[in-house]
Amino acid sequence: MRPGPILPHRIGRAAAFIVLGVVIVAATVRFDRHRQAAPPAQVHTLSSLDAELTRCRTIKNPEDVDPACRAAWAEIRQHFFAPDDAGRVQP
């Protein structure tokens, strides 16, 4: 049996898939080049709390944790888990 002629909607569908593929590839290449050409992120200066937390992260043994680290961790917990004006925990 001989197959029927190719229907115009099949040609249109195939063309649409080809165009969609080309658009996806072009967008990927453009965004990849844009990411590579982006300047490096600005290095910001660390606050004293950030510096203290960075120092505390280097402590290996739990028994070596000093009161300054505990105070820094408590301040961070208070910042993130402090209740708002309505008495609910902030998200």
N, C-alpha and C. Protein backbone atom coordinates (compact mmCIF):
# COMPACT_ATOMS: atom_id res chain seq x y z
N MET A 1 0.81 -1.17 0.00
CA MET A 1 0.00 0.00 0.00
C MET A 1 0.87 1.25 0.00
N ARG A 2 0.46 2.16 -0.76
CA ARG A 2 1.21 3.40 -0.90
C ARG A 2 0.66 4.44 0.09
N PRO A 3 1.58 5.10 0.84
CA PRO A 3 1.09 6.10 1.80
C PRO A 3 0.48 7.28 1.07
N GLY A 4 -0.46 7.94 1.72
CA GLY A 4 -1.13 9.09 1.14
C GLY A 4 -0.18 10.29 1.08
N PRO A 5 -0.59 11.34 0.40
CA PRO A 5 0.25 12.52 0.30
C PRO A 5 0.43 13.17 1.69
N ILE A 6 1.54 13.87 1.83
CA ILE A 6 1.80 14.57 3.08
C ILE A 6 0.82 15.72 3.20
N LEU A 7 0.14 15.75 4.29
CA LEU A 7 -0.88 16.76 4.49
C LEU A 7 -0.25 18.08 4.89
N PRO A 8 -0.85 19.19 4.48
CA PRO A 8 -0.28 20.50 4.80
C PRO A 8 -0.14 20.76 6.30
N HIS A 9 -1.06 20.24 7.12
CA HIS A 9 -0.94 20.50 8.55
C HIS A 9 0.24 19.76 9.15
N ARG A 10 0.65 18.64 8.57
CA ARG A 10 1.83 17.93 9.04
C ARG A 10 3.09 18.73 8.71
N ILE A 11 3.11 19.33 7.53
CA ILE A 11 4.26 20.17 7.15
C ILE A 11 4.32 21.39 8.08
N GLY A 12 3.19 21.98 8.36
CA GLY A 12 3.15 23.12 9.27
C GLY A 12 3.59 22.76 10.67
N ARG A 13 3.16 21.61 11.14
CA ARG A 13 3.56 21.16 12.48
C ARG A 13 5.06 20.91 12.53
N ALA A 14 5.61 20.27 11.51
CA ALA A 14 7.05 20.01 11.46
C ALA A 14 7.83 21.33 11.42
N ALA A 15 7.34 22.29 10.64
CA ALA A 15 8.01 23.59 10.57
C ALA A 15 7.96 24.30 11.92
N ALA A 16 6.85 24.19 12.62
CA ALA A 16 6.73 24.82 13.94
C ALA A 16 7.71 24.21 14.93
N PHE A 17 7.87 22.88 14.91
CA PHE A 17 8.83 22.24 15.79
C PHE A 17 10.26 22.66 15.46
N ILE A 18 10.57 22.80 14.19
CA ILE A 18 11.90 23.23 13.79
C ILE A 18 12.17 24.66 14.26
N VAL A 19 11.19 25.54 14.05
CA VAL A 19 11.35 26.93 14.50
C VAL A 19 11.49 26.99 16.01
N LEU A 20 10.69 26.22 16.73
CA LEU A 20 10.78 26.19 18.18
C LEU A 20 12.15 25.69 18.64
N GLY A 21 12.67 24.68 17.99
CA GLY A 21 14.00 24.18 18.33
C GLY A 21 15.08 25.22 18.09
N VAL A 22 14.98 25.93 16.97
CA VAL A 22 15.97 26.98 16.67
C VAL A 22 15.90 28.10 17.70
N VAL A 23 14.70 28.48 18.10
CA VAL A 23 14.54 29.53 19.11
C VAL A 23 15.14 29.09 20.45
N ILE A 24 14.90 27.87 20.85
CA ILE A 24 15.45 27.37 22.11
C ILE A 24 16.97 27.35 22.07
N VAL A 25 17.55 26.87 20.99
CA VAL A 25 19.01 26.83 20.86
C VAL A 25 19.58 28.24 20.86
N ALA A 26 18.96 29.16 20.13
CA ALA A 26 19.45 30.54 20.08
C ALA A 26 19.38 31.20 21.45
N ALA A 27 18.29 30.98 22.18
CA ALA A 27 18.17 31.56 23.52
C ALA A 27 19.21 30.98 24.47
N THR A 28 19.44 29.69 24.39
CA THR A 28 20.45 29.05 25.24
C THR A 28 21.82 29.62 24.97
N VAL A 29 22.18 29.74 23.71
CA VAL A 29 23.49 30.29 23.36
C VAL A 29 23.62 31.73 23.82
N ARG A 30 22.58 32.51 23.64
CA ARG A 30 22.63 33.92 24.04
C ARG A 30 22.79 34.06 25.55
N PHE A 31 22.00 33.33 26.32
CA PHE A 31 22.10 33.43 27.77
C PHE A 31 23.41 32.88 28.28
N ASP A 32 23.95 31.85 27.64
CA ASP A 32 25.24 31.31 28.06
C ASP A 32 26.35 32.32 27.80
N ARG A 33 26.33 32.99 26.66
CA ARG A 33 27.33 34.02 26.37
C ARG A 33 27.18 35.20 27.31
N HIS A 34 25.93 35.56 27.61
CA HIS A 34 25.68 36.68 28.52
C HIS A 34 26.23 36.37 29.91
N ARG A 35 26.06 35.13 30.36
CA ARG A 35 26.54 34.75 31.68
C ARG A 35 28.06 34.75 31.71
N GLN A 36 28.71 34.31 30.65
CA GLN A 36 30.17 34.28 30.61
C GLN A 36 30.74 35.68 30.55
N ALA A 37 30.05 36.62 29.89
CA ALA A 37 30.56 37.96 29.73
C ALA A 37 30.24 38.86 30.91
N ALA A 38 29.42 38.40 31.85
CA ALA A 38 29.04 39.23 32.99
C ALA A 38 30.26 39.50 33.88
N PRO A 39 30.38 40.72 34.38
CA PRO A 39 31.50 41.02 35.27
C PRO A 39 31.35 40.26 36.57
N PRO A 40 32.45 40.01 37.26
CA PRO A 40 32.34 39.30 38.53
C PRO A 40 31.53 40.10 39.54
N ALA A 41 30.90 39.39 40.43
CA ALA A 41 30.06 40.04 41.42
C ALA A 41 30.90 40.95 42.31
N GLN A 42 30.28 42.02 42.78
CA GLN A 42 30.96 42.95 43.66
C GLN A 42 31.24 42.27 44.99
N VAL A 43 32.45 42.42 45.46
CA VAL A 43 32.82 41.87 46.75
C VAL A 43 32.48 42.91 47.80
N HIS A 44 31.61 42.55 48.72
CA HIS A 44 31.23 43.51 49.75
C HIS A 44 32.03 43.26 51.00
N THR A 45 32.20 44.27 51.79
CA THR A 45 32.94 44.13 53.03
C THR A 45 32.05 43.43 54.05
N LEU A 46 32.64 42.57 54.84
CA LEU A 46 31.89 41.83 55.83
C LEU A 46 31.67 42.68 57.07
N SER A 47 30.49 42.60 57.62
CA SER A 47 30.25 43.27 58.89
C SER A 47 30.94 42.47 59.99
N SER A 48 30.97 43.04 61.16
CA SER A 48 31.64 42.34 62.26
C SER A 48 30.93 41.03 62.59
N LEU A 49 29.59 41.01 62.47
CA LEU A 49 28.86 39.78 62.73
C LEU A 49 29.18 38.72 61.68
N ASP A 50 29.23 39.13 60.40
CA ASP A 50 29.60 38.19 59.34
C ASP A 50 31.00 37.64 59.55
N ALA A 51 31.91 38.50 59.95
CA ALA A 51 33.29 38.06 60.19
C ALA A 51 33.33 37.08 61.35
N GLU A 52 32.56 37.36 62.39
CA GLU A 52 32.52 36.45 63.55
C GLU A 52 31.92 35.11 63.16
N LEU A 53 30.84 35.12 62.38
CA LEU A 53 30.23 33.86 61.94
C LEU A 53 31.16 33.08 61.03
N THR A 54 31.92 33.78 60.20
CA THR A 54 32.88 33.10 59.34
C THR A 54 33.96 32.42 60.19
N ARG A 55 34.41 33.11 61.21
CA ARG A 55 35.41 32.53 62.12
C ARG A 55 34.83 31.32 62.84
N CYS A 56 33.59 31.43 63.28
CA CYS A 56 32.96 30.33 64.02
C CYS A 56 32.74 29.09 63.15
N ARG A 57 32.56 29.30 61.86
CA ARG A 57 32.37 28.14 60.96
C ARG A 57 33.63 27.30 60.85
N THR A 58 34.77 27.88 61.14
CA THR A 58 36.03 27.13 61.02
C THR A 58 36.30 26.25 62.23
N ILE A 59 35.52 26.39 63.29
CA ILE A 59 35.74 25.60 64.51
C ILE A 59 35.28 24.17 64.25
N LYS A 60 36.17 23.23 64.48
CA LYS A 60 35.87 21.82 64.18
C LYS A 60 35.22 21.10 65.36
N ASN A 61 35.74 21.31 66.56
CA ASN A 61 35.26 20.57 67.72
C ASN A 61 34.20 21.37 68.47
N PRO A 62 33.09 20.74 68.84
CA PRO A 62 32.04 21.47 69.57
C PRO A 62 32.52 22.01 70.92
N GLU A 63 33.48 21.34 71.54
CA GLU A 63 33.96 21.83 72.84
C GLU A 63 34.84 23.07 72.71
N ASP A 64 35.28 23.41 71.49
CA ASP A 64 36.10 24.60 71.26
C ASP A 64 35.28 25.85 70.99
N VAL A 65 33.95 25.73 70.95
CA VAL A 65 33.09 26.88 70.67
C VAL A 65 33.17 27.85 71.84
N ASP A 66 33.44 29.11 71.52
CA ASP A 66 33.58 30.12 72.57
C ASP A 66 32.29 30.92 72.73
N PRO A 67 32.18 31.71 73.80
CA PRO A 67 30.96 32.50 74.03
C PRO A 67 30.67 33.52 72.92
N ALA A 68 31.69 34.01 72.25
CA ALA A 68 31.46 34.97 71.16
C ALA A 68 30.69 34.31 70.01
N CYS A 69 31.02 33.07 69.72
CA CYS A 69 30.30 32.35 68.66
C CYS A 69 28.85 32.10 69.07
N ARG A 70 28.66 31.71 70.32
CA ARG A 70 27.30 31.48 70.79
C ARG A 70 26.47 32.76 70.72
N ALA A 71 27.08 33.89 71.06
CA ALA A 71 26.38 35.18 71.00
C ALA A 71 26.05 35.55 69.56
N ALA A 72 26.97 35.30 68.64
CA ALA A 72 26.73 35.61 67.22
C ALA A 72 25.60 34.74 66.67
N TRP A 73 25.61 33.46 67.02
CA TRP A 73 24.54 32.57 66.56
C TRP A 73 23.20 32.99 67.15
N ALA A 74 23.20 33.39 68.41
CA ALA A 74 21.95 33.83 69.04
C ALA A 74 21.42 35.09 68.36
N GLU A 75 22.30 36.00 67.98
CA GLU A 75 21.86 37.22 67.30
C GLU A 75 21.26 36.90 65.94
N ILE A 76 21.87 35.98 65.22
CA ILE A 76 21.34 35.58 63.92
C ILE A 76 19.98 34.90 64.09
N ARG A 77 19.85 34.03 65.08
CA ARG A 77 18.55 33.38 65.33
C ARG A 77 17.49 34.40 65.67
N GLN A 78 17.85 35.39 66.48
CA GLN A 78 16.89 36.42 66.86
C GLN A 78 16.47 37.23 65.64
N HIS A 79 17.44 37.50 64.75
CA HIS A 79 17.14 38.28 63.55
C HIS A 79 16.13 37.54 62.66
N PHE A 80 16.33 36.24 62.47
CA PHE A 80 15.48 35.49 61.55
C PHE A 80 14.20 34.98 62.18
N PHE A 81 14.20 34.75 63.49
CA PHE A 81 13.03 34.15 64.12
C PHE A 81 12.34 35.10 65.10
N ALA A 82 12.63 36.38 65.03
CA ALA A 82 12.00 37.35 65.93
C ALA A 82 10.53 37.53 65.54
N PRO A 83 9.65 37.63 66.52
CA PRO A 83 8.24 37.84 66.18
C PRO A 83 8.01 39.26 65.66
N ASP A 84 7.04 39.39 64.79
CA ASP A 84 6.71 40.72 64.27
C ASP A 84 5.73 41.41 65.21
N ASP A 85 5.16 42.52 64.79
CA ASP A 85 4.27 43.31 65.64
C ASP A 85 3.02 42.54 66.06
N ALA A 86 2.55 41.63 65.23
CA ALA A 86 1.33 40.89 65.54
C ALA A 86 1.60 39.69 66.43
N GLY A 87 2.85 39.43 66.77
CA GLY A 87 3.19 38.31 67.63
C GLY A 87 3.41 37.00 66.88
N ARG A 88 3.37 37.07 65.55
CA ARG A 88 3.61 35.88 64.74
C ARG A 88 5.08 35.84 64.35
N VAL A 89 5.57 34.65 64.08
CA VAL A 89 6.95 34.49 63.61
C VAL A 89 7.00 34.96 62.16
N GLN A 90 8.03 35.75 61.83
CA GLN A 90 8.17 36.24 60.47
C GLN A 90 8.60 35.09 59.56
N PRO A 91 8.09 35.08 58.33
CA PRO A 91 8.49 34.00 57.40
C PRO A 91 9.92 34.18 56.93
